[in-house]
């Protein structure tokens, strides 16, 4: 893979990671409610989910998945239901400003698992990666090494972008002066989760 080809992919994946989606919403809502440490656990979980998608694409299962309407529909509806459920939970959250109390109610282990599921149950991610990666794989060069380069680049870029979202979230959290404002933010992010879930439910498989 040439440096020019890699830079083209770097730009492409950077633009895609910056686009707000379920991962960004999850990172920001966690950063506001649980602070830096909670956001860090969430970011790690997102990358585990993303890495599993990349592995599936690398071993060829991504292409098989992208061709199966049944598999796409099952994961799509599971993901949509999970995001709506997260939205309802976020909407109903108390407006606590005590991060230690919130952390006890939702330990970082659960935040990590939640983030893994947010990424894993997004079928559009694996279908998109299965369509995107082959565009940057040169047939006359070792494919395993190229998939590794693209995969590592994707994860590193997403980590950097999610850290940016987490920093923005903690900055917003610093402006919150009372439980009412926190509850309002919880309802905003709860609504965003449900909206993304509804969008995912309406998604159609790419031809």
C-alpha atoms as a PDB file:
ATOM      1  CA  UNK A   1       0.000   0.000   0.000  1.00  0.00           C
ATOM      2  CA  UNK A   2       1.467   3.357  -1.044  1.00  0.00           C
ATOM      3  CA  UNK A   3       1.561   6.343   1.312  1.00  0.00           C
ATOM      4  CA  UNK A   4      -0.723   8.256  -1.055  1.00  0.00           C
ATOM      5  CA  UNK A   5      -3.304   5.451  -0.978  1.00  0.00           C
ATOM      6  CA  UNK A   6      -3.085   5.267   2.810  1.00  0.00           C
ATOM      7  CA  UNK A   7      -3.523   9.037   3.172  1.00  0.00           C
ATOM      8  CA  UNK A   8      -6.632   8.843   0.997  1.00  0.00           C
ATOM      9  CA  UNK A   9      -8.048   6.174   3.294  1.00  0.00           C
ATOM     10  CA  UNK A  10      -7.024   8.175   6.367  1.00  0.00           C
ATOM     11  CA  UNK A  11      -9.002  11.167   5.104  1.00  0.00           C
ATOM     12  CA  UNK A  12     -11.989   8.972   4.249  1.00  0.00           C
ATOM     13  CA  UNK A  13     -12.161   7.228   7.626  1.00  0.00           C
ATOM     14  CA  UNK A  14     -11.589  10.522   9.471  1.00  0.00           C
ATOM     15  CA  UNK A  15     -14.613  12.102   7.803  1.00  0.00           C
ATOM     16  CA  UNK A  16     -16.711   9.022   8.571  1.00  0.00           C
ATOM     17  CA  UNK A  17     -15.647   8.912  12.234  1.00  0.00           C
ATOM     18  CA  UNK A  18     -16.417  12.607  12.687  1.00  0.00           C
ATOM     19  CA  UNK A  19     -19.974  12.071  11.454  1.00  0.00           C
ATOM     20  CA  UNK A  20     -22.240  11.926  14.544  1.00  0.00           C
ATOM     21  CA  UNK A  21     -23.728   8.493  15.119  1.00  0.00           C
ATOM     22  CA  UNK A  22     -24.632   6.083  17.886  1.00  0.00           C
ATOM     23  CA  UNK A  23     -20.994   5.804  19.006  1.00  0.00           C
ATOM     24  CA  UNK A  24     -20.567   9.559  19.338  1.00  0.00           C
ATOM     25  CA  UNK A  25     -23.883   9.909  21.172  1.00  0.00           C
ATOM     26  CA  UNK A  26     -22.929   7.088  23.536  1.00  0.00           C
ATOM     27  CA  UNK A  27     -19.512   8.646  24.231  1.00  0.00           C
ATOM     28  CA  UNK A  28     -20.919  12.111  24.897  1.00  0.00           C
ATOM     29  CA  UNK A  29     -23.767  10.941  27.112  1.00  0.00           C
ATOM     30  CA  UNK A  30     -21.336   8.787  29.106  1.00  0.00           C
ATOM     31  CA  UNK A  31     -18.813  11.622  29.389  1.00  0.00           C
ATOM     32  CA  UNK A  32     -21.446  13.980  30.756  1.00  0.00           C
ATOM     33  CA  UNK A  33     -22.887  11.481  33.239  1.00  0.00           C
ATOM     34  CA  UNK A  34     -19.735   9.588  34.263  1.00  0.00           C
ATOM     35  CA  UNK A  35     -16.790  11.879  33.530  1.00  0.00           C
ATOM     36  CA  UNK A  36     -13.469  11.055  31.823  1.00  0.00           C
ATOM     37  CA  UNK A  37     -13.096   7.560  33.283  1.00  0.00           C
ATOM     38  CA  UNK A  38     -16.566   6.482  32.261  1.00  0.00           C
ATOM     39  CA  UNK A  39     -16.016   7.903  28.778  1.00  0.00           C
ATOM     40  CA  UNK A  40     -12.692   6.044  28.529  1.00  0.00           C
ATOM     41  CA  UNK A  41     -14.414   2.741  29.339  1.00  0.00           C
ATOM     42  CA  UNK A  42     -17.058   3.530  26.740  1.00  0.00           C
ATOM     43  CA  UNK A  43     -14.455   4.366  24.073  1.00  0.00           C
ATOM     44  CA  UNK A  44     -12.633   1.083  24.759  1.00  0.00           C
ATOM     45  CA  UNK A  45     -15.897  -0.804  24.347  1.00  0.00           C
ATOM     46  CA  UNK A  46     -16.656   0.923  21.058  1.00  0.00           C
ATOM     47  CA  UNK A  47     -13.240  -0.056  19.714  1.00  0.00           C
ATOM     48  CA  UNK A  48     -13.734  -3.698  20.696  1.00  0.00           C
ATOM     49  CA  UNK A  49     -16.984  -3.722  18.728  1.00  0.00           C
ATOM     50  CA  UNK A  50     -15.349  -1.956  15.782  1.00  0.00           C
ATOM     51  CA  UNK A  51     -12.359  -4.332  15.865  1.00  0.00           C
ATOM     52  CA  UNK A  52     -14.675  -7.346  15.750  1.00  0.00           C
ATOM     53  CA  UNK A  53     -16.393  -5.893  12.687  1.00  0.00           C
ATOM     54  CA  UNK A  54     -13.001  -5.331  11.048  1.00  0.00           C
ATOM     55  CA  UNK A  55     -11.957  -8.924  11.814  1.00  0.00           C
ATOM     56  CA  UNK A  56     -15.166 -10.250  10.262  1.00  0.00           C
ATOM     57  CA  UNK A  57     -14.512  -8.206   7.131  1.00  0.00           C
ATOM     58  CA  UNK A  58     -10.876  -9.337   7.030  1.00  0.00           C
ATOM     59  CA  UNK A  59     -11.752 -13.048   7.080  1.00  0.00           C
ATOM     60  CA  UNK A  60     -14.452 -12.614   4.472  1.00  0.00           C
ATOM     61  CA  UNK A  61     -17.541 -12.936   6.666  1.00  0.00           C
ATOM     62  CA  UNK A  62     -18.328  -9.260   6.151  1.00  0.00           C
ATOM     63  CA  UNK A  63     -18.971  -9.879   2.461  1.00  0.00           C
ATOM     64  CA  UNK A  64     -21.208 -12.848   3.272  1.00  0.00           C
ATOM     65  CA  UNK A  65     -23.091 -10.787   5.853  1.00  0.00           C
ATOM     66  CA  UNK A  66     -23.579  -7.913   3.410  1.00  0.00           C
ATOM     67  CA  UNK A  67     -25.201 -10.344   0.956  1.00  0.00           C
ATOM     68  CA  UNK A  68     -27.595 -11.858   3.512  1.00  0.00           C
ATOM     69  CA  UNK A  69     -30.826  -9.910   3.874  1.00  0.00           C
ATOM     70  CA  UNK A  70     -31.949 -12.071   6.809  1.00  0.00           C
ATOM     71  CA  UNK A  71     -28.729 -11.505   8.791  1.00  0.00           C
ATOM     72  CA  UNK A  72     -28.888  -7.787   8.076  1.00  0.00           C
ATOM     73  CA  UNK A  73     -32.515  -7.538   9.219  1.00  0.00           C
ATOM     74  CA  UNK A  74     -31.909  -9.523  12.427  1.00  0.00           C
ATOM     75  CA  UNK A  75     -28.946  -7.389  13.490  1.00  0.00           C
ATOM     76  CA  UNK A  76     -30.676  -4.199  12.344  1.00  0.00           C
ATOM     77  CA  UNK A  77     -33.772  -4.747  14.471  1.00  0.00           C
ATOM     78  CA  UNK A  78     -31.734  -5.938  17.441  1.00  0.00           C
ATOM     79  CA  UNK A  79     -29.579  -2.823  17.194  1.00  0.00           C
ATOM     80  CA  UNK A  80     -32.554  -0.503  16.777  1.00  0.00           C
ATOM     81  CA  UNK A  81     -34.326  -2.034  19.776  1.00  0.00           C
ATOM     82  CA  UNK A  82     -31.170  -1.754  21.887  1.00  0.00           C
ATOM     83  CA  UNK A  83     -30.662   1.924  21.019  1.00  0.00           C
ATOM     84  CA  UNK A  84     -34.302   2.734  21.778  1.00  0.00           C
ATOM     85  CA  UNK A  85     -33.983   0.890  25.100  1.00  0.00           C
ATOM     86  CA  UNK A  86     -30.830   2.898  25.909  1.00  0.00           C
ATOM     87  CA  UNK A  87     -32.718   6.065  25.014  1.00  0.00           C
ATOM     88  CA  UNK A  88     -35.561   5.213  27.379  1.00  0.00           C
ATOM     89  CA  UNK A  89     -33.085   4.451  30.175  1.00  0.00           C
ATOM     90  CA  UNK A  90     -31.266   7.738  29.531  1.00  0.00           C
ATOM     91  CA  UNK A  91     -34.558   9.669  29.428  1.00  0.00           C
ATOM     92  CA  UNK A  92     -35.594   8.221  32.784  1.00  0.00           C
ATOM     93  CA  UNK A  93     -32.201   8.854  34.432  1.00  0.00           C
ATOM     94  CA  UNK A  94     -32.124  11.037  37.511  1.00  0.00           C
ATOM     95  CA  UNK A  95     -30.327  14.357  37.183  1.00  0.00           C
ATOM     96  CA  UNK A  96     -27.581  13.522  39.679  1.00  0.00           C
ATOM     97  CA  UNK A  97     -24.415  15.641  39.674  1.00  0.00           C
ATOM     98  CA  UNK A  98     -22.615  13.237  42.030  1.00  0.00           C
ATOM     99  CA  UNK A  99     -20.321  11.282  39.685  1.00  0.00           C
ATOM    100  CA  UNK A 100     -19.340   8.834  42.432  1.00  0.00           C
ATOM    101  CA  UNK A 101     -22.981   7.926  43.077  1.00  0.00           C
ATOM    102  CA  UNK A 102     -23.617   7.594  39.348  1.00  0.00           C
ATOM    103  CA  UNK A 103     -20.525   5.398  38.959  1.00  0.00           C
ATOM    104  CA  UNK A 104     -21.806   3.044  41.659  1.00  0.00           C
ATOM    105  CA  UNK A 105     -25.150   2.758  39.882  1.00  0.00           C
ATOM    106  CA  UNK A 106     -23.452   2.091  36.517  1.00  0.00           C
ATOM    107  CA  UNK A 107     -19.878   0.758  36.967  1.00  0.00           C
ATOM    108  CA  UNK A 108     -17.335   1.179  34.189  1.00  0.00           C
ATOM    109  CA  UNK A 109     -17.580  -2.532  33.347  1.00  0.00           C
ATOM    110  CA  UNK A 110     -21.216  -2.047  32.355  1.00  0.00           C
ATOM    111  CA  UNK A 111     -20.370   1.087  30.380  1.00  0.00           C
ATOM    112  CA  UNK A 112     -17.751  -0.936  28.490  1.00  0.00           C
ATOM    113  CA  UNK A 113     -20.200  -3.748  27.687  1.00  0.00           C
ATOM    114  CA  UNK A 114     -22.867  -1.252  26.651  1.00  0.00           C
ATOM    115  CA  UNK A 115     -20.490   0.405  24.185  1.00  0.00           C
ATOM    116  CA  UNK A 116     -19.441  -2.954  22.716  1.00  0.00           C
ATOM    117  CA  UNK A 117     -23.101  -3.746  22.021  1.00  0.00           C
ATOM    118  CA  UNK A 118     -23.748  -0.287  20.545  1.00  0.00           C
ATOM    119  CA  UNK A 119     -21.153  -0.978  17.845  1.00  0.00           C
ATOM    120  CA  UNK A 120     -21.779  -4.695  17.395  1.00  0.00           C
ATOM    121  CA  UNK A 121     -25.505  -4.240  16.786  1.00  0.00           C
ATOM    122  CA  UNK A 122     -24.985  -1.718  13.997  1.00  0.00           C
ATOM    123  CA  UNK A 123     -25.223  -3.743  10.759  1.00  0.00           C
ATOM    124  CA  UNK A 124     -24.556  -0.694   8.597  1.00  0.00           C
ATOM    125  CA  UNK A 125     -21.041  -0.551  10.047  1.00  0.00           C
ATOM    126  CA  UNK A 126     -19.976  -4.010   8.922  1.00  0.00           C
ATOM    127  CA  UNK A 127     -21.727  -3.684   5.555  1.00  0.00           C
ATOM    128  CA  UNK A 128     -20.020  -0.343   4.968  1.00  0.00           C
ATOM    129  CA  UNK A 129     -16.593  -1.680   5.963  1.00  0.00           C
ATOM    130  CA  UNK A 130     -17.108  -4.682   3.694  1.00  0.00           C
ATOM    131  CA  UNK A 131     -17.788  -2.280   0.819  1.00  0.00           C
ATOM    132  CA  UNK A 132     -15.061   0.248   1.730  1.00  0.00           C
ATOM    133  CA  UNK A 133     -12.013  -1.914   2.471  1.00  0.00           C
ATOM    134  CA  UNK A 134     -11.779  -3.631  -0.949  1.00  0.00           C
ATOM    135  CA  UNK A 135     -11.582  -0.212  -2.617  1.00  0.00           C
ATOM    136  CA  UNK A 136      -8.204   0.340  -0.925  1.00  0.00           C
ATOM    137  CA  UNK A 137      -6.771  -3.193  -1.173  1.00  0.00           C
ATOM    138  CA  UNK A 138      -4.166  -3.571  -3.923  1.00  0.00           C
ATOM    139  CA  UNK A 139      -4.443  -7.072  -5.451  1.00  0.00           C
ATOM    140  CA  UNK A 140      -0.711  -7.426  -6.220  1.00  0.00           C
ATOM    141  CA  UNK A 141       0.319  -6.829  -2.582  1.00  0.00           C
ATOM    142  CA  UNK A 142      -0.154  -9.045   0.520  1.00  0.00           C
ATOM    143  CA  UNK A 143      -3.800  -8.636   1.493  1.00  0.00           C
ATOM    144  CA  UNK A 144      -3.461  -9.561   5.182  1.00  0.00           C
ATOM    145  CA  UNK A 145      -0.967  -6.755   5.785  1.00  0.00           C
ATOM    146  CA  UNK A 146      -3.188  -4.262   3.961  1.00  0.00           C
ATOM    147  CA  UNK A 147      -6.261  -5.264   5.978  1.00  0.00           C
ATOM    148  CA  UNK A 148      -4.201  -4.879   9.148  1.00  0.00           C
ATOM    149  CA  UNK A 149      -3.064  -1.384   8.125  1.00  0.00           C
ATOM    150  CA  UNK A 150      -6.601  -0.300   7.257  1.00  0.00           C
ATOM    151  CA  UNK A 151      -8.014  -1.835  10.436  1.00  0.00           C
ATOM    152  CA  UNK A 152      -5.460  -0.230  12.755  1.00  0.00           C
ATOM    153  CA  UNK A 153      -5.917   3.116  10.990  1.00  0.00           C
ATOM    154  CA  UNK A 154      -9.699   2.900  11.415  1.00  0.00           C
ATOM    155  CA  UNK A 155      -9.470   2.107  15.130  1.00  0.00           C
ATOM    156  CA  UNK A 156      -6.818   4.750  15.903  1.00  0.00           C
ATOM    157  CA  UNK A 157      -8.770   7.458  14.067  1.00  0.00           C
ATOM    158  CA  UNK A 158     -11.981   6.477  15.850  1.00  0.00           C
ATOM    159  CA  UNK A 159     -10.236   6.572  19.240  1.00  0.00           C
ATOM    160  CA  UNK A 160      -8.951  10.097  18.557  1.00  0.00           C
ATOM    161  CA  UNK A 161     -12.365  11.293  17.389  1.00  0.00           C
ATOM    162  CA  UNK A 162     -14.165   9.712  20.360  1.00  0.00           C
ATOM    163  CA  UNK A 163     -11.671  11.309  22.768  1.00  0.00           C
ATOM    164  CA  UNK A 164     -12.610  14.626  21.180  1.00  0.00           C
ATOM    165  CA  UNK A 165     -16.301  13.924  21.751  1.00  0.00           C
ATOM    166  CA  UNK A 166     -15.547  12.905  25.359  1.00  0.00           C
ATOM    167  CA  UNK A 167     -13.614  16.129  25.990  1.00  0.00           C
ATOM    168  CA  UNK A 168     -16.509  18.132  24.558  1.00  0.00           C
ATOM    169  CA  UNK A 169     -18.914  16.221  26.810  1.00  0.00           C
ATOM    170  CA  UNK A 170     -16.913  16.899  29.968  1.00  0.00           C
ATOM    171  CA  UNK A 171     -16.697  20.572  29.000  1.00  0.00           C
ATOM    172  CA  UNK A 172     -20.492  20.646  28.672  1.00  0.00           C
ATOM    173  CA  UNK A 173     -20.799  18.862  32.030  1.00  0.00           C
ATOM    174  CA  UNK A 174     -18.791  21.688  33.613  1.00  0.00           C
ATOM    175  CA  UNK A 175     -21.490  24.166  32.609  1.00  0.00           C
ATOM    176  CA  UNK A 176     -24.234  22.207  34.394  1.00  0.00           C
ATOM    177  CA  UNK A 177     -25.269  23.963  37.592  1.00  0.00           C
ATOM    178  CA  UNK A 178     -28.071  21.787  38.933  1.00  0.00           C
ATOM    179  CA  UNK A 179     -30.038  18.515  38.716  1.00  0.00           C
ATOM    180  CA  UNK A 180     -32.670  20.050  36.433  1.00  0.00           C
ATOM    181  CA  UNK A 181     -30.066  20.861  33.777  1.00  0.00           C
ATOM    182  CA  UNK A 182     -28.573  17.375  34.054  1.00  0.00           C
ATOM    183  CA  UNK A 183     -32.007  15.814  33.693  1.00  0.00           C
ATOM    184  CA  UNK A 184     -32.643  17.959  30.609  1.00  0.00           C
ATOM    185  CA  UNK A 185     -29.363  16.764  29.074  1.00  0.00           C
ATOM    186  CA  UNK A 186     -30.252  13.163  29.883  1.00  0.00           C
ATOM    187  CA  UNK A 187     -33.531  13.623  28.042  1.00  0.00           C
ATOM    188  CA  UNK A 188     -31.787  15.226  25.066  1.00  0.00           C
ATOM    189  CA  UNK A 189     -29.354  12.327  24.744  1.00  0.00           C
ATOM    190  CA  UNK A 190     -32.138   9.836  25.409  1.00  0.00           C
ATOM    191  CA  UNK A 191     -34.065  11.352  22.512  1.00  0.00           C
ATOM    192  CA  UNK A 192     -30.952  11.162  20.313  1.00  0.00           C
ATOM    193  CA  UNK A 193     -30.492   7.470  21.119  1.00  0.00           C
ATOM    194  CA  UNK A 194     -34.123   6.789  20.209  1.00  0.00           C
ATOM    195  CA  UNK A 195     -33.837   8.860  17.020  1.00  0.00           C
ATOM    196  CA  UNK A 196     -30.745   6.942  15.890  1.00  0.00           C
ATOM    197  CA  UNK A 197     -32.544   3.698  16.736  1.00  0.00           C
ATOM    198  CA  UNK A 198     -35.491   4.762  14.584  1.00  0.00           C
ATOM    199  CA  UNK A 199     -33.141   5.684  11.722  1.00  0.00           C
ATOM    200  CA  UNK A 200     -31.426   2.316  12.002  1.00  0.00           C
ATOM    201  CA  UNK A 201     -34.798   0.544  11.926  1.00  0.00           C
ATOM    202  CA  UNK A 202     -35.670   2.374   8.705  1.00  0.00           C
ATOM    203  CA  UNK A 203     -32.326   1.568   7.058  1.00  0.00           C
ATOM    204  CA  UNK A 204     -32.307  -0.634   3.999  1.00  0.00           C
ATOM    205  CA  UNK A 205     -29.584  -3.021   3.000  1.00  0.00           C
ATOM    206  CA  UNK A 206     -27.229  -1.677   0.358  1.00  0.00           C
ATOM    207  CA  UNK A 207     -27.537  -3.454  -2.949  1.00  0.00           C
END
